């Protein structure tokens, strides 16, 4: 999985459309192998991003859990601490 794609489900506040779209862009870039498509592929690239964003939004909105919602700031701090520990060992 692409490291830049972050979990979007079960956060307070919920994932924004911009976050869903950013994850979709990263996904399309990863599977296509392009960071920026050629002009010939631009329409297909953009269409794929739009379709994946729509499906991802629907998925995130329809998922259910009994777990408490996660706080974005707390989760970001945990990730930063894990990264600091991981890279400190190198």
PDB file of N, CA and C in Angstrom:
ATOM      1  N   UNK A   1       0.846  -1.185   0.000  1.00  0.00           N
ATOM      2  CA  UNK A   1       0.000   0.000   0.000  1.00  0.00           C
ATOM      3  C   UNK A   1       0.887   1.242   0.000  1.00  0.00           C
ATOM      4  N   UNK A   2       0.452   2.247  -0.672  1.00  0.00           N
ATOM      5  CA  UNK A   2       1.194   3.503  -0.749  1.00  0.00           C
ATOM      6  C   UNK A   2       1.252   4.141   0.638  1.00  0.00           C
ATOM      7  N   UNK A   3       2.432   4.533   1.064  1.00  0.00           N
ATOM      8  CA  UNK A   3       2.591   5.110   2.393  1.00  0.00           C
ATOM      9  C   UNK A   3       1.862   6.438   2.539  1.00  0.00           C
ATOM     10  N   UNK A   4       1.589   7.117   1.441  1.00  0.00           N
ATOM     11  CA  UNK A   4       0.929   8.422   1.516  1.00  0.00           C
ATOM     12  C   UNK A   4      -0.581   8.319   1.664  1.00  0.00           C
ATOM     13  N   UNK A   5      -1.137   7.139   1.483  1.00  0.00           N
ATOM     14  CA  UNK A   5      -2.574   6.971   1.643  1.00  0.00           C
ATOM     15  C   UNK A   5      -2.835   6.648   3.109  1.00  0.00           C
ATOM     16  N   UNK A   6      -3.597   7.490   3.763  1.00  0.00           N
ATOM     17  CA  UNK A   6      -3.879   7.348   5.181  1.00  0.00           C
ATOM     18  C   UNK A   6      -5.292   6.795   5.384  1.00  0.00           C
ATOM     19  N   UNK A   7      -5.501   6.077   6.505  1.00  0.00           N
ATOM     20  CA  UNK A   7      -6.859   5.644   6.828  1.00  0.00           C
ATOM     21  C   UNK A   7      -7.771   6.867   6.962  1.00  0.00           C
ATOM     22  N   UNK A   8      -8.987   6.732   6.482  1.00  0.00           N
ATOM     23  CA  UNK A   8      -9.931   7.848   6.501  1.00  0.00           C
ATOM     24  C   UNK A   8     -11.175   7.561   7.334  1.00  0.00           C
ATOM     25  N   UNK A   9     -11.325   6.335   7.774  1.00  0.00           N
ATOM     26  CA  UNK A   9     -12.532   5.925   8.487  1.00  0.00           C
ATOM     27  C   UNK A   9     -12.399   6.098   9.991  1.00  0.00           C
ATOM     28  N   UNK A  10     -13.492   6.467  10.614  1.00  0.00           N
ATOM     29  CA  UNK A  10     -13.654   6.523  12.061  1.00  0.00           C
ATOM     30  C   UNK A  10     -12.822   7.621  12.717  1.00  0.00           C
ATOM     31  N   UNK A  11     -12.819   8.787  12.112  1.00  0.00           N
ATOM     32  CA  UNK A  11     -12.149   9.937  12.697  1.00  0.00           C
ATOM     33  C   UNK A  11     -13.168  11.010  13.035  1.00  0.00           C
ATOM     34  N   UNK A  12     -12.808  11.799  14.017  1.00  0.00           N
ATOM     35  CA  UNK A  12     -13.622  12.948  14.380  1.00  0.00           C
ATOM     36  C   UNK A  12     -12.738  14.178  14.259  1.00  0.00           C
ATOM     37  N   UNK A  13     -12.992  15.079  13.361  1.00  0.00           N
ATOM     38  CA  UNK A  13     -14.108  15.119  12.410  1.00  0.00           C
ATOM     39  C   UNK A  13     -13.906  14.117  11.272  1.00  0.00           C
ATOM     40  N   UNK A  14     -14.999  13.753  10.606  1.00  0.00           N
ATOM     41  CA  UNK A  14     -14.913  12.789   9.509  1.00  0.00           C
ATOM     42  C   UNK A  14     -14.012  13.283   8.377  1.00  0.00           C
ATOM     43  N   UNK A  15     -13.560  12.349   7.572  1.00  0.00           N
ATOM     44  CA  UNK A  15     -12.702  12.691   6.430  1.00  0.00           C
ATOM     45  C   UNK A  15     -13.418  13.667   5.508  1.00  0.00           C
ATOM     46  N   UNK A  16     -12.682  14.663   5.073  1.00  0.00           N
ATOM     47  CA  UNK A  16     -13.252  15.652   4.149  1.00  0.00           C
ATOM     48  C   UNK A  16     -13.175  15.114   2.722  1.00  0.00           C
ATOM     49  N   UNK A  17     -13.917  15.737   1.830  1.00  0.00           N
ATOM     50  CA  UNK A  17     -13.861  15.367   0.423  1.00  0.00           C
ATOM     51  C   UNK A  17     -12.458  15.572  -0.145  1.00  0.00           C
ATOM     52  N   UNK A  18     -11.763  16.583   0.357  1.00  0.00           N
ATOM     53  CA  UNK A  18     -10.394  16.847  -0.099  1.00  0.00           C
ATOM     54  C   UNK A  18      -9.457  15.706   0.302  1.00  0.00           C
ATOM     55  N   UNK A  19      -9.629  15.184   1.508  1.00  0.00           N
ATOM     56  CA  UNK A  19      -8.805  14.062   1.953  1.00  0.00           C
ATOM     57  C   UNK A  19      -9.085  12.807   1.133  1.00  0.00           C
ATOM     58  N   UNK A  20     -10.348  12.573   0.847  1.00  0.00           N
ATOM     59  CA  UNK A  20     -10.731  11.414   0.039  1.00  0.00           C
ATOM     60  C   UNK A  20     -10.145  11.555  -1.359  1.00  0.00           C
ATOM     61  N   UNK A  21     -10.248  12.741  -1.929  1.00  0.00           N
ATOM     62  CA  UNK A  21      -9.694  12.959  -3.266  1.00  0.00           C
ATOM     63  C   UNK A  21      -8.166  12.814  -3.276  1.00  0.00           C
ATOM     64  N   UNK A  22      -7.498  13.327  -2.257  1.00  0.00           N
ATOM     65  CA  UNK A  22      -6.042  13.206  -2.186  1.00  0.00           C
ATOM     66  C   UNK A  22      -5.624  11.735  -2.118  1.00  0.00           C
ATOM     67  N   UNK A  23      -6.349  10.932  -1.358  1.00  0.00           N
ATOM     68  CA  UNK A  23      -6.058   9.503  -1.287  1.00  0.00           C
ATOM     69  C   UNK A  23      -6.302   8.849  -2.648  1.00  0.00           C
ATOM     70  N   UNK A  24      -7.329   9.290  -3.345  1.00  0.00           N
ATOM     71  CA  UNK A  24      -7.639   8.745  -4.668  1.00  0.00           C
ATOM     72  C   UNK A  24      -6.545   9.086  -5.670  1.00  0.00           C
ATOM     73  N   UNK A  25      -6.037  10.302  -5.599  1.00  0.00           N
ATOM     74  CA  UNK A  25      -4.938  10.709  -6.482  1.00  0.00           C
ATOM     75  C   UNK A  25      -3.719   9.825  -6.222  1.00  0.00           C
ATOM     76  N   UNK A  26      -3.389   9.603  -4.953  1.00  0.00           N
ATOM     77  CA  UNK A  26      -2.244   8.771  -4.612  1.00  0.00           C
ATOM     78  C   UNK A  26      -2.432   7.340  -5.107  1.00  0.00           C
ATOM     79  N   UNK A  27      -3.649   6.827  -4.973  1.00  0.00           N
ATOM     80  CA  UNK A  27      -3.942   5.469  -5.424  1.00  0.00           C
ATOM     81  C   UNK A  27      -3.774   5.348  -6.933  1.00  0.00           C
ATOM     82  N   UNK A  28      -4.322   6.299  -7.675  1.00  0.00           N
ATOM     83  CA  UNK A  28      -4.213   6.264  -9.140  1.00  0.00           C
ATOM     84  C   UNK A  28      -2.753   6.422  -9.568  1.00  0.00           C
ATOM     85  N   UNK A  29      -2.027   7.289  -8.914  1.00  0.00           N
ATOM     86  CA  UNK A  29      -0.601   7.438  -9.220  1.00  0.00           C
ATOM     87  C   UNK A  29       0.143   6.133  -8.990  1.00  0.00           C
ATOM     88  N   UNK A  30      -0.164   5.474  -7.886  1.00  0.00           N
ATOM     89  CA  UNK A  30       0.527   4.237  -7.547  1.00  0.00           C
ATOM     90  C   UNK A  30       0.246   3.142  -8.577  1.00  0.00           C
ATOM     91  N   UNK A  31      -1.025   2.915  -8.891  1.00  0.00           N
ATOM     92  CA  UNK A  31      -1.334   1.802  -9.788  1.00  0.00           C
ATOM     93  C   UNK A  31      -1.012   2.108 -11.243  1.00  0.00           C
ATOM     94  N   UNK A  32      -1.002   3.404 -11.614  1.00  0.00           N
ATOM     95  CA  UNK A  32      -0.680   3.748 -13.001  1.00  0.00           C
ATOM     96  C   UNK A  32       0.825   3.852 -13.221  1.00  0.00           C
ATOM     97  N   UNK A  33       1.555   4.148 -12.157  1.00  0.00           N
ATOM     98  CA  UNK A  33       2.990   4.355 -12.284  1.00  0.00           C
ATOM     99  C   UNK A  33       3.349   5.753 -12.740  1.00  0.00           C
ATOM    100  N   UNK A  34       2.358   6.635 -12.852  1.00  0.00           N
ATOM    101  CA  UNK A  34       2.583   8.026 -13.271  1.00  0.00           C
ATOM    102  C   UNK A  34       2.374   8.959 -12.096  1.00  0.00           C
ATOM    103  N   UNK A  35       3.282   9.916 -11.913  1.00  0.00           N
ATOM    104  CA  UNK A  35       2.992  10.984 -10.959  1.00  0.00           C
ATOM    105  C   UNK A  35       2.238  12.090 -11.673  1.00  0.00           C
ATOM    106  N   UNK A  36       2.523  12.227 -12.953  1.00  0.00           N
ATOM    107  CA  UNK A  36       1.793  13.174 -13.801  1.00  0.00           C
ATOM    108  C   UNK A  36       1.641  12.500 -15.173  1.00  0.00           C
ATOM    109  N   UNK A  37       0.412  12.236 -15.576  1.00  0.00           N
ATOM    110  CA  UNK A  37       0.219  11.538 -16.846  1.00  0.00           C
ATOM    111  C   UNK A  37       0.505  12.437 -18.053  1.00  0.00           C
ATOM    112  N   UNK A  38       0.742  11.802 -19.183  1.00  0.00           N
ATOM    113  CA  UNK A  38       0.913  12.553 -20.426  1.00  0.00           C
ATOM    114  C   UNK A  38      -0.434  13.147 -20.824  1.00  0.00           C
ATOM    115  N   UNK A  39      -0.410  14.064 -21.765  1.00  0.00           N
ATOM    116  CA  UNK A  39      -1.667  14.659 -22.242  1.00  0.00           C
ATOM    117  C   UNK A  39      -2.599  13.591 -22.794  1.00  0.00           C
ATOM    118  N   UNK A  40      -2.019  12.574 -23.435  1.00  0.00           N
ATOM    119  CA  UNK A  40      -2.833  11.494 -24.003  1.00  0.00           C
ATOM    120  C   UNK A  40      -3.569  10.711 -22.916  1.00  0.00           C
ATOM    121  N   UNK A  41      -3.004  10.650 -21.705  1.00  0.00           N
ATOM    122  CA  UNK A  41      -3.604   9.869 -20.621  1.00  0.00           C
ATOM    123  C   UNK A  41      -4.316  10.720 -19.573  1.00  0.00           C
ATOM    124  N   UNK A  42      -4.283  12.030 -19.722  1.00  0.00           N
ATOM    125  CA  UNK A  42      -4.827  12.924 -18.700  1.00  0.00           C
ATOM    126  C   UNK A  42      -6.309  12.680 -18.426  1.00  0.00           C
ATOM    127  N   UNK A  43      -7.119  12.533 -19.464  1.00  0.00           N
ATOM    128  CA  UNK A  43      -8.556  12.324 -19.251  1.00  0.00           C
ATOM    129  C   UNK A  43      -8.834  11.030 -18.503  1.00  0.00           C
ATOM    130  N   UNK A  44      -8.168   9.953 -18.902  1.00  0.00           N
ATOM    131  CA  UNK A  44      -8.365   8.666 -18.228  1.00  0.00           C
ATOM    132  C   UNK A  44      -7.911   8.757 -16.769  1.00  0.00           C
ATOM    133  N   UNK A  45      -6.809   9.422 -16.538  1.00  0.00           N
ATOM    134  CA  UNK A  45      -6.257   9.610 -15.196  1.00  0.00           C
ATOM    135  C   UNK A  45      -7.258  10.365 -14.317  1.00  0.00           C
ATOM    136  N   UNK A  46      -7.769  11.481 -14.822  1.00  0.00           N
ATOM    137  CA  UNK A  46      -8.732  12.288 -14.060  1.00  0.00           C
ATOM    138  C   UNK A  46     -10.045  11.552 -13.827  1.00  0.00           C
ATOM    139  N   UNK A  47     -10.504  10.819 -14.836  1.00  0.00           N
ATOM    140  CA  UNK A  47     -11.734  10.039 -14.691  1.00  0.00           C
ATOM    141  C   UNK A  47     -11.564   8.984 -13.602  1.00  0.00           C
ATOM    142  N   UNK A  48     -10.412   8.314 -13.599  1.00  0.00           N
ATOM    143  CA  UNK A  48     -10.151   7.293 -12.582  1.00  0.00           C
ATOM    144  C   UNK A  48     -10.138   7.916 -11.183  1.00  0.00           C
ATOM    145  N   UNK A  49      -9.514   9.062 -11.047  1.00  0.00           N
ATOM    146  CA  UNK A  49      -9.482   9.748  -9.743  1.00  0.00           C
ATOM    147  C   UNK A  49     -10.901  10.064  -9.282  1.00  0.00           C
ATOM    148  N   UNK A  50     -11.717  10.611 -10.180  1.00  0.00           N
ATOM    149  CA  UNK A  50     -13.098  10.958  -9.827  1.00  0.00           C
ATOM    150  C   UNK A  50     -13.893   9.728  -9.406  1.00  0.00           C
ATOM    151  N   UNK A  51     -13.767   8.652 -10.169  1.00  0.00           N
ATOM    152  CA  UNK A  51     -14.526   7.440  -9.865  1.00  0.00           C
ATOM    153  C   UNK A  51     -14.073   6.820  -8.549  1.00  0.00           C
ATOM    154  N   UNK A  52     -12.781   6.766  -8.327  1.00  0.00           N
ATOM    155  CA  UNK A  52     -12.266   6.193  -7.080  1.00  0.00           C
ATOM    156  C   UNK A  52     -12.655   7.059  -5.896  1.00  0.00           C
ATOM    157  N   UNK A  53     -12.602   8.369  -6.049  1.00  0.00           N
ATOM    158  CA  UNK A  53     -13.012   9.270  -4.965  1.00  0.00           C
ATOM    159  C   UNK A  53     -14.480   9.050  -4.612  1.00  0.00           C
ATOM    160  N   UNK A  54     -15.333   8.874  -5.616  1.00  0.00           N
ATOM    161  CA  UNK A  54     -16.760   8.628  -5.354  1.00  0.00           C
ATOM    162  C   UNK A  54     -16.969   7.317  -4.608  1.00  0.00           C
ATOM    163  N   UNK A  55     -16.291   6.280  -5.043  1.00  0.00           N
ATOM    164  CA  UNK A  55     -16.422   4.974  -4.392  1.00  0.00           C
ATOM    165  C   UNK A  55     -15.844   5.018  -2.979  1.00  0.00           C
ATOM    166  N   UNK A  56     -14.696   5.669  -2.818  1.00  0.00           N
ATOM    167  CA  UNK A  56     -14.074   5.768  -1.495  1.00  0.00           C
ATOM    168  C   UNK A  56     -14.960   6.553  -0.529  1.00  0.00           C
ATOM    169  N   UNK A  57     -15.547   7.642  -0.990  1.00  0.00           N
ATOM    170  CA  UNK A  57     -16.449   8.434  -0.143  1.00  0.00           C
ATOM    171  C   UNK A  57     -17.629   7.584   0.294  1.00  0.00           C
ATOM    172  N   UNK A  58     -18.201   6.838  -0.653  1.00  0.00           N
ATOM    173  CA  UNK A  58     -19.343   5.974  -0.339  1.00  0.00           C
ATOM    174  C   UNK A  58     -18.936   4.928   0.691  1.00  0.00           C
ATOM    175  N   UNK A  59     -17.777   4.318   0.503  1.00  0.00           N
ATOM    176  CA  UNK A  59     -17.291   3.308   1.446  1.00  0.00           C
ATOM    177  C   UNK A  59     -17.123   3.893   2.839  1.00  0.00           C
ATOM    178  N   UNK A  60     -16.410   4.999   2.949  1.00  0.00           N
ATOM    179  CA  UNK A  60     -16.154   5.613   4.253  1.00  0.00           C
ATOM    180  C   UNK A  60     -17.465   6.000   4.931  1.00  0.00           C
ATOM    181  N   UNK A  61     -18.427   6.486   4.158  1.00  0.00           N
ATOM    182  CA  UNK A  61     -19.709   6.894   4.725  1.00  0.00           C
ATOM    183  C   UNK A  61     -20.566   5.718   5.179  1.00  0.00           C
ATOM    184  N   UNK A  62     -20.397   4.549   4.540  1.00  0.00           N
ATOM    185  CA  UNK A  62     -21.238   3.395   4.855  1.00  0.00           C
ATOM    186  C   UNK A  62     -20.640   2.448   5.890  1.00  0.00           C
ATOM    187  N   UNK A  63     -19.350   2.544   6.166  1.00  0.00           N
ATOM    188  CA  UNK A  63     -18.735   1.654   7.154  1.00  0.00           C
ATOM    189  C   UNK A  63     -19.282   1.948   8.542  1.00  0.00           C
ATOM    190  N   UNK A  64     -19.372   0.903   9.351  1.00  0.00           N
ATOM    191  CA  UNK A  64     -19.865   1.043  10.712  1.00  0.00           C
ATOM    192  C   UNK A  64     -18.878   0.408  11.674  1.00  0.00           C
ATOM    193  N   UNK A  65     -18.820   0.954  12.882  1.00  0.00           N
ATOM    194  CA  UNK A  65     -17.972   0.392  13.927  1.00  0.00           C
ATOM    195  C   UNK A  65     -18.522   0.778  15.290  1.00  0.00           C
ATOM    196  N   UNK A  66     -18.198  -0.047  16.280  1.00  0.00           N
ATOM    197  CA  UNK A  66     -18.549   0.283  17.662  1.00  0.00           C
ATOM    198  C   UNK A  66     -17.379   0.956  18.375  1.00  0.00           C
ATOM    199  N   UNK A  67     -16.235   1.004  17.716  1.00  0.00           N
ATOM    200  CA  UNK A  67     -15.045   1.616  18.307  1.00  0.00           C
ATOM    201  C   UNK A  67     -15.237   3.127  18.422  1.00  0.00           C
ATOM    202  N   UNK A  68     -14.640   3.714  19.446  1.00  0.00           N
ATOM    203  CA  UNK A  68     -14.748   5.173  19.576  1.00  0.00           C
ATOM    204  C   UNK A  68     -13.998   5.859  18.435  1.00  0.00           C
ATOM    205  N   UNK A  69     -14.467   7.025  18.075  1.00  0.00           N
ATOM    206  CA  UNK A  69     -13.825   7.794  17.002  1.00  0.00           C
ATOM    207  C   UNK A  69     -12.419   8.194  17.441  1.00  0.00           C
ATOM    208  N   UNK A  70     -11.504   8.191  16.452  1.00  0.00           N
ATOM    209  CA  UNK A  70     -10.117   8.561  16.727  1.00  0.00           C
ATOM    210  C   UNK A  70      -9.948  10.068  16.532  1.00  0.00           C
ATOM    211  N   UNK A  71      -9.058  10.625  17.336  1.00  0.00           N
ATOM    212  CA  UNK A  71      -8.738  12.038  17.229  1.00  0.00           C
ATOM    213  C   UNK A  71      -7.567  12.193  16.265  1.00  0.00           C
ATOM    214  N   UNK A  72      -7.734  13.049  15.267  1.00  0.00           N
ATOM    215  CA  UNK A  72      -6.699  13.219  14.241  1.00  0.00           C
ATOM    216  C   UNK A  72      -5.365  13.674  14.808  1.00  0.00           C
ATOM    217  N   UNK A  73      -5.399  14.629  15.730  1.00  0.00           N
ATOM    218  CA  UNK A  73      -4.157  15.152  16.289  1.00  0.00           C
ATOM    219  C   UNK A  73      -3.418  14.083  17.088  1.00  0.00           C
ATOM    220  N   UNK A  74      -4.167  13.309  17.882  1.00  0.00           N
ATOM    221  CA  UNK A  74      -3.549  12.247  18.669  1.00  0.00           C
ATOM    222  C   UNK A  74      -2.937  11.178  17.762  1.00  0.00           C
ATOM    223  N   UNK A  75      -3.653  10.801  16.710  1.00  0.00           N
ATOM    224  CA  UNK A  75      -3.144   9.785  15.789  1.00  0.00           C
ATOM    225  C   UNK A  75      -1.906  10.295  15.042  1.00  0.00           C
ATOM    226  N   UNK A  76      -1.906  11.572  14.682  1.00  0.00           N
ATOM    227  CA  UNK A  76      -0.746  12.159  14.003  1.00  0.00           C
ATOM    228  C   UNK A  76       0.465  12.183  14.942  1.00  0.00           C
ATOM    229  N   UNK A  77       0.237  12.499  16.213  1.00  0.00           N
ATOM    230  CA  UNK A  77       1.324  12.514  17.187  1.00  0.00           C
ATOM    231  C   UNK A  77       1.891  11.112  17.383  1.00  0.00           C
ATOM    232  N   UNK A  78       1.024  10.105  17.442  1.00  0.00           N
ATOM    233  CA  UNK A  78       1.486   8.719  17.574  1.00  0.00           C
ATOM    234  C   UNK A  78       2.326   8.317  16.365  1.00  0.00           C
ATOM    235  N   UNK A  79       1.867   8.665  15.174  1.00  0.00           N
ATOM    236  CA  UNK A  79       2.594   8.328  13.945  1.00  0.00           C
ATOM    237  C   UNK A  79       3.958   9.020  13.928  1.00  0.00           C
ATOM    238  N   UNK A  80       3.988  10.264  14.369  1.00  0.00           N
ATOM    239  CA  UNK A  80       5.248  11.004  14.398  1.00  0.00           C
ATOM    240  C   UNK A  80       6.221  10.364  15.385  1.00  0.00           C
ATOM    241  N   UNK A  81       5.717   9.921  16.529  1.00  0.00           N
ATOM    242  CA  UNK A  81       6.566   9.260  17.521  1.00  0.00           C
ATOM    243  C   UNK A  81       7.093   7.931  16.981  1.00  0.00           C
ATOM    244  N   UNK A  82       6.240   7.165  16.300  1.00  0.00           N
ATOM    245  CA  UNK A  82       6.688   5.898  15.705  1.00  0.00           C
ATOM    246  C   UNK A  82       7.769   6.146  14.661  1.00  0.00           C
ATOM    247  N   UNK A  83       7.583   7.176  13.841  1.00  0.00           N
ATOM    248  CA  UNK A  83       8.571   7.491  12.808  1.00  0.00           C
ATOM    249  C   UNK A  83       9.896   7.927  13.430  1.00  0.00           C
ATOM    250  N   UNK A  84       9.817   8.731  14.477  1.00  0.00           N
ATOM    251  CA  UNK A  84      11.043   9.186  15.139  1.00  0.00           C
ATOM    252  C   UNK A  84      11.804   8.004  15.714  1.00  0.00           C
ATOM    253  N   UNK A  85      11.090   7.064  16.322  1.00  0.00           N
ATOM    254  CA  UNK A  85      11.739   5.877  16.876  1.00  0.00           C
ATOM    255  C   UNK A  85      12.323   5.005  15.764  1.00  0.00           C
ATOM    256  N   UNK A  86      11.576   4.819  14.708  1.00  0.00           N
ATOM    257  CA  UNK A  86      12.026   3.975  13.596  1.00  0.00           C
ATOM    258  C   UNK A  86      13.280   4.553  12.941  1.00  0.00           C
ATOM    259  N   UNK A  87      13.302   5.847  12.681  1.00  0.00           N
ATOM    260  CA  UNK A  87      14.432   6.460  12.005  1.00  0.00           C
ATOM    261  C   UNK A  87      15.608   6.735  12.927  1.00  0.00           C
ATOM    262  N   UNK A  88      15.363   6.778  14.236  1.00  0.00           N
ATOM    263  CA  UNK A  88      16.449   6.967  15.189  1.00  0.00           C
ATOM    264  C   UNK A  88      17.334   5.726  15.257  1.00  0.00           C
ATOM    265  N   UNK A  89      16.731   4.577  14.974  1.00  0.00           N
ATOM    266  CA  UNK A  89      17.474   3.316  15.025  1.00  0.00           C
ATOM    267  C   UNK A  89      18.388   3.144  13.830  1.00  0.00           C
ATOM    268  N   UNK A  90      18.115   3.832  12.749  1.00  0.00           N
ATOM    269  CA  UNK A  90      18.878   3.636  11.505  1.00  0.00           C
ATOM    270  C   UNK A  90      20.303   4.099  11.583  1.00  0.00           C
TER     271      UNK A  90
END
